[in-house]
Amino acid sequence: MEALIFKQDSPDLFLSELLFSQDEQSGSLQQIYWIKKALRFRKKLLKNYLGTEAAKILSPYIVYTRATYQDLLYLIPEFGKNPPIFEPLLQCKRICGENLIKEVIAKLGWKLMNFGLSVKHCIGISINGSLRFLFSDFEAKLFENSVNAKRVSEYFLFTAHGGLPFGTDSTNEVEKPVTLFRSYNLAHANLLQEILDVAPLSLQKVKRIIEQLDKIVADFIKLFQTYSEECLILPGVYEGIKN
């Protein structure tokens, strides 16, 4: 079933149908059967991609935000480790609760916070009718002991940290098959977005598309040259199409 995802014309749409089929109480027996099968596959997929513990914690957020295939690529951790967002998400949950975090992720998107998310609870205090000053919980309690201080507002300030889900400090690291495969998939997603963009076709856009195609073809050959004989003729075929 996992291999079936990558055969789809629209992997994101297909994966979304599998991840978010949750209504087991409606539909025919056949529909319920496939919904339950999709739910079991969702657990297996997230466990394989993120690890057992991370999949359990992140699953409610992934389902709520309807994470796409590209989102999951941003979340995949290094082997044997939890995703970078894992611990920060637990810390944020202790401060502001799960529901607010879901709304923040839905608003910003996973790729803007795959390296971490932090939150501060800010209390607005007015002193003698002044404009509000923002304090932490502990600071606010000190001021509220004063008869001239009044709590007038309350905020949660989030800071998100995002980026490419692999290191680029070392050439050897970039050339590792797992890292290269992530880069290859992200390049595919970015290229599709570029092609489907409704903006007018310009010389700069054509150059960007060709540069991304060059990288995708080169990465494909690196990844699969030992498994597919097509890699031997692919450079010539691609150059012929491009020219």
Protein backbone atom coordinates (compact mmCIF):
# COMPACT_ATOMS: atom_id res chain seq x y z
CA MET A 1 0.00 0.00 0.00
CA GLU A 2 2.91 2.35 0.73
CA ALA A 3 4.24 1.79 -2.79
CA LEU A 4 0.80 2.69 -4.13
CA ILE A 5 1.20 6.28 -2.88
CA PHE A 6 4.13 6.96 -5.17
CA LYS A 7 2.28 5.64 -8.23
CA GLN A 8 -0.46 8.25 -7.94
CA ASP A 9 -0.72 11.31 -10.20
CA SER A 10 -1.37 13.31 -7.05
CA PRO A 11 0.44 11.70 -4.06
CA ASP A 12 -0.66 14.50 -1.71
CA LEU A 13 -4.35 13.97 -2.50
CA PHE A 14 -4.10 10.20 -2.24
CA LEU A 15 -2.18 10.36 1.03
CA SER A 16 -4.67 12.88 2.39
CA GLU A 17 -7.55 10.49 1.72
CA LEU A 18 -5.69 7.76 3.61
CA LEU A 19 -4.60 9.93 6.53
CA PHE A 20 -7.88 11.64 7.20
CA SER A 21 -10.52 8.93 6.66
CA GLN A 22 -11.84 8.88 10.22
CA ASP A 23 -15.59 8.42 10.11
CA GLU A 24 -16.04 4.74 10.97
CA GLN A 25 -19.71 5.16 11.92
CA SER A 26 -21.11 6.03 8.49
CA GLY A 27 -21.30 4.41 5.07
CA SER A 28 -21.68 0.84 3.87
CA LEU A 29 -19.85 -2.15 5.31
CA GLN A 30 -17.41 -1.98 2.42
CA GLN A 31 -16.71 1.72 3.08
CA ILE A 32 -16.19 1.05 6.78
CA TYR A 33 -13.79 -1.76 5.92
CA TRP A 34 -11.63 0.53 3.78
CA ILE A 35 -11.78 3.35 6.32
CA LYS A 36 -10.50 1.02 9.07
CA LYS A 37 -7.83 -0.26 6.69
CA ALA A 38 -6.77 3.34 5.97
CA LEU A 39 -6.60 4.13 9.69
CA ARG A 40 -4.31 1.14 10.30
CA PHE A 41 -2.16 2.18 7.37
CA ARG A 42 -1.97 5.75 8.69
CA LYS A 43 -0.53 4.51 11.98
CA LYS A 44 1.97 2.32 10.17
CA LEU A 45 3.00 5.07 7.77
CA LEU A 46 3.60 7.66 10.49
CA LYS A 47 5.44 5.10 12.62
CA ASN A 48 7.75 4.20 9.72
CA TYR A 49 8.43 7.83 8.83
CA LEU A 50 8.66 9.44 12.27
CA GLY A 51 9.33 6.67 14.78
CA THR A 52 6.92 5.06 17.25
CA GLU A 53 6.97 7.70 19.98
CA ALA A 54 6.96 10.71 17.66
CA ALA A 55 4.14 9.26 15.54
CA LYS A 56 1.96 8.86 18.65
CA ILE A 57 2.54 12.45 19.80
CA LEU A 58 2.43 14.14 16.38
CA SER A 59 -0.50 12.19 14.93
CA PRO A 60 -3.27 14.48 16.33
CA TYR A 61 -1.55 17.55 14.87
CA ILE A 62 -0.87 15.87 11.52
CA VAL A 63 -4.49 14.78 11.19
CA TYR A 64 -5.90 18.16 12.27
CA THR A 65 -3.71 20.14 9.84
CA ARG A 66 -4.21 17.63 7.00
CA ALA A 67 -0.46 17.32 6.48
CA THR A 68 0.58 16.56 2.91
CA TYR A 69 3.22 14.19 1.57
CA GLN A 70 5.62 17.16 1.33
CA ASP A 71 4.91 18.06 4.98
CA LEU A 72 5.90 14.55 6.06
CA LEU A 73 9.17 14.87 4.13
CA TYR A 74 9.99 17.97 6.17
CA LEU A 75 9.27 16.07 9.40
CA ILE A 76 11.32 12.90 8.73
CA PRO A 77 14.12 12.80 11.33
CA GLU A 78 17.64 11.44 11.17
CA PHE A 79 17.82 7.71 11.70
CA GLY A 80 17.32 6.73 15.34
CA LYS A 81 16.23 10.22 16.43
CA ASN A 82 12.94 12.02 16.97
CA PRO A 83 11.95 14.86 14.61
CA PRO A 84 13.40 18.23 15.76
CA ILE A 85 9.85 19.51 16.35
CA PHE A 86 9.09 16.69 18.83
CA GLU A 87 10.46 18.08 22.12
CA PRO A 88 9.51 21.74 21.41
CA LEU A 89 5.96 20.63 20.70
CA LEU A 90 5.72 18.88 24.06
CA GLN A 91 7.02 22.02 25.81
CA CYS A 92 4.50 24.23 24.00
CA LYS A 93 1.68 21.85 24.92
CA ARG A 94 2.51 22.28 28.60
CA ILE A 95 2.26 26.06 28.24
CA CYS A 96 -0.77 26.64 26.02
CA GLY A 97 -2.46 23.29 25.35
CA GLU A 98 -2.96 21.16 22.26
CA ASN A 99 -5.85 23.01 20.62
CA LEU A 100 -4.05 26.33 20.25
CA ILE A 101 -0.96 24.61 18.85
CA LYS A 102 -3.10 22.91 16.21
CA GLU A 103 -4.41 26.29 15.09
CA VAL A 104 -0.90 27.74 14.91
CA ILE A 105 0.42 24.83 12.81
CA ALA A 106 -2.60 25.02 10.51
CA LYS A 107 -1.96 28.74 10.03
CA LEU A 108 1.82 28.64 9.49
CA GLY A 109 2.36 25.20 7.95
CA TRP A 110 4.74 22.42 8.96
CA LYS A 111 7.70 23.50 6.83
CA LEU A 112 7.93 26.79 8.74
CA MET A 113 8.34 24.99 12.07
CA ASN A 114 9.88 21.57 11.33
CA PHE A 115 12.97 22.56 13.37
CA GLY A 116 11.03 23.76 16.39
CA LEU A 117 8.30 25.89 17.91
CA SER A 118 8.43 27.94 21.10
CA VAL A 119 5.78 29.91 22.94
CA LYS A 120 5.75 32.58 25.65
CA HIS A 121 2.73 33.40 27.78
CA CYS A 122 2.59 37.22 27.93
CA ILE A 123 0.40 39.15 30.38
CA GLY A 124 -0.55 42.76 29.73
CA ILE A 125 -0.45 44.88 32.91
CA SER A 126 -1.67 48.46 33.21
CA ILE A 127 -0.17 50.50 36.07
CA ASN A 128 -2.15 53.52 37.24
CA GLY A 129 -4.14 53.44 33.98
CA SER A 130 -1.03 53.47 31.79
CA LEU A 131 -0.56 51.76 28.46
CA ARG A 132 -0.08 48.05 29.01
CA PHE A 133 3.30 46.48 29.74
CA LEU A 134 3.90 42.87 28.77
CA PHE A 135 5.27 40.53 31.44
CA SER A 136 5.77 36.81 31.98
CA ASP A 137 3.47 34.91 34.34
CA PHE A 138 5.86 35.24 37.27
CA GLU A 139 6.53 38.92 36.66
CA ALA A 140 2.82 39.66 36.30
CA LYS A 141 2.07 38.09 39.70
CA LEU A 142 4.57 40.42 41.34
CA PHE A 143 2.95 43.50 39.82
CA GLU A 144 -0.59 42.30 40.50
CA ASN A 145 0.17 42.41 44.22
CA SER A 146 0.16 46.18 43.81
CA VAL A 147 -3.23 47.87 44.16
CA ASN A 148 -2.37 50.15 41.23
CA ALA A 149 -1.72 47.33 38.76
CA LYS A 150 -4.42 45.66 36.66
CA ARG A 151 -4.29 42.76 34.21
CA VAL A 152 -5.77 43.98 30.91
CA SER A 153 -4.73 41.40 28.31
CA GLU A 154 -3.20 37.98 27.77
CA TYR A 155 -1.25 36.67 24.79
CA PHE A 156 0.68 33.64 23.60
CA LEU A 157 3.70 34.63 21.51
CA PHE A 158 4.90 31.87 19.17
CA THR A 159 8.28 31.65 17.45
CA ALA A 160 8.66 29.09 14.65
CA HIS A 161 11.88 27.65 13.24
CA GLY A 162 11.81 26.05 9.79
CA GLY A 163 14.17 24.96 7.05
CA LEU A 164 15.22 22.14 4.76
CA PRO A 165 15.01 18.81 6.59
CA PHE A 166 18.63 17.82 6.08
CA GLY A 167 22.08 19.20 6.82
CA THR A 168 24.09 20.96 4.11
CA ASP A 169 27.28 21.53 6.09
CA SER A 170 29.04 18.53 4.60
CA THR A 171 29.21 17.25 1.04
CA ASN A 172 29.28 13.68 2.32
CA GLU A 173 26.09 14.27 4.30
CA VAL A 174 24.27 15.72 1.28
CA GLU A 175 25.30 12.76 -0.88
CA LYS A 176 23.89 10.14 1.51
CA PRO A 177 21.04 8.21 -0.21
CA VAL A 178 18.38 9.08 2.40
CA THR A 179 19.29 12.77 2.36
CA LEU A 180 19.49 12.79 -1.43
CA PHE A 181 16.10 11.09 -1.70
CA ARG A 182 14.50 13.74 0.54
CA SER A 183 16.03 16.47 -1.59
CA TYR A 184 14.83 14.70 -4.75
CA ASN A 185 11.23 14.51 -3.49
CA LEU A 186 11.19 18.12 -2.31
CA ALA A 187 12.57 19.24 -5.68
CA HIS A 188 9.70 17.37 -7.39
CA ALA A 189 7.13 19.11 -5.19
CA ASN A 190 8.68 22.55 -5.72
CA LEU A 191 8.88 22.01 -9.48
CA LEU A 192 5.22 20.99 -9.65
CA GLN A 193 4.26 24.13 -7.75
CA GLU A 194 6.35 26.22 -10.15
CA ILE A 195 4.74 24.65 -13.23
CA LEU A 196 1.19 24.99 -11.88
CA ASP A 197 1.72 28.63 -10.90
CA VAL A 198 -0.75 30.83 -12.79
CA ALA A 199 1.79 33.63 -13.17
CA PRO A 200 2.73 34.54 -16.78
CA LEU A 201 5.52 32.48 -18.32
CA SER A 202 8.72 34.54 -18.24
CA LEU A 203 12.36 33.90 -19.14
CA GLN A 204 13.27 33.76 -15.43
CA LYS A 205 10.55 31.17 -14.77
CA VAL A 206 11.72 28.99 -17.66
CA LYS A 207 15.30 29.16 -16.34
CA ARG A 208 14.15 28.16 -12.84
CA ILE A 209 12.20 25.19 -14.22
CA ILE A 210 15.15 24.00 -16.30
CA GLU A 211 17.57 24.36 -13.36
CA GLN A 212 15.27 22.29 -11.16
CA LEU A 213 14.85 19.66 -13.89
CA ASP A 214 18.65 19.47 -14.25
CA LYS A 215 18.97 18.74 -10.53
CA ILE A 216 16.11 16.21 -10.50
CA VAL A 217 17.61 14.24 -13.41
CA ALA A 218 21.09 14.32 -11.85
CA ASP A 219 19.75 13.15 -8.46
CA PHE A 220 17.70 10.40 -10.11
CA ILE A 221 20.80 9.03 -11.80
CA LYS A 222 22.78 9.11 -8.54
CA LEU A 223 20.01 7.32 -6.68
CA PHE A 224 19.07 4.64 -9.19
CA GLN A 225 22.03 4.07 -11.52
CA THR A 226 22.84 0.76 -9.83
CA TYR A 227 19.23 -0.42 -10.10
CA SER A 228 18.04 0.75 -13.52
CA GLU A 229 19.67 0.52 -16.94
CA GLU A 230 17.60 3.51 -18.03
CA CYS A 231 20.04 5.75 -16.16
CA LEU A 232 22.63 5.04 -18.88
CA ILE A 233 20.52 6.62 -21.63
CA LEU A 234 18.67 9.18 -19.50
CA PRO A 235 21.25 12.04 -19.84
CA GLY A 236 21.14 11.86 -23.63
CA VAL A 237 17.36 11.65 -23.76
CA TYR A 238 16.96 14.56 -21.34
CA GLU A 239 19.46 16.76 -23.23
CA GLY A 240 17.60 16.01 -26.46
CA ILE A 241 14.26 17.05 -24.93
CA LYS A 242 15.77 20.17 -23.34
CA ASN A 243 17.47 21.33 -26.53
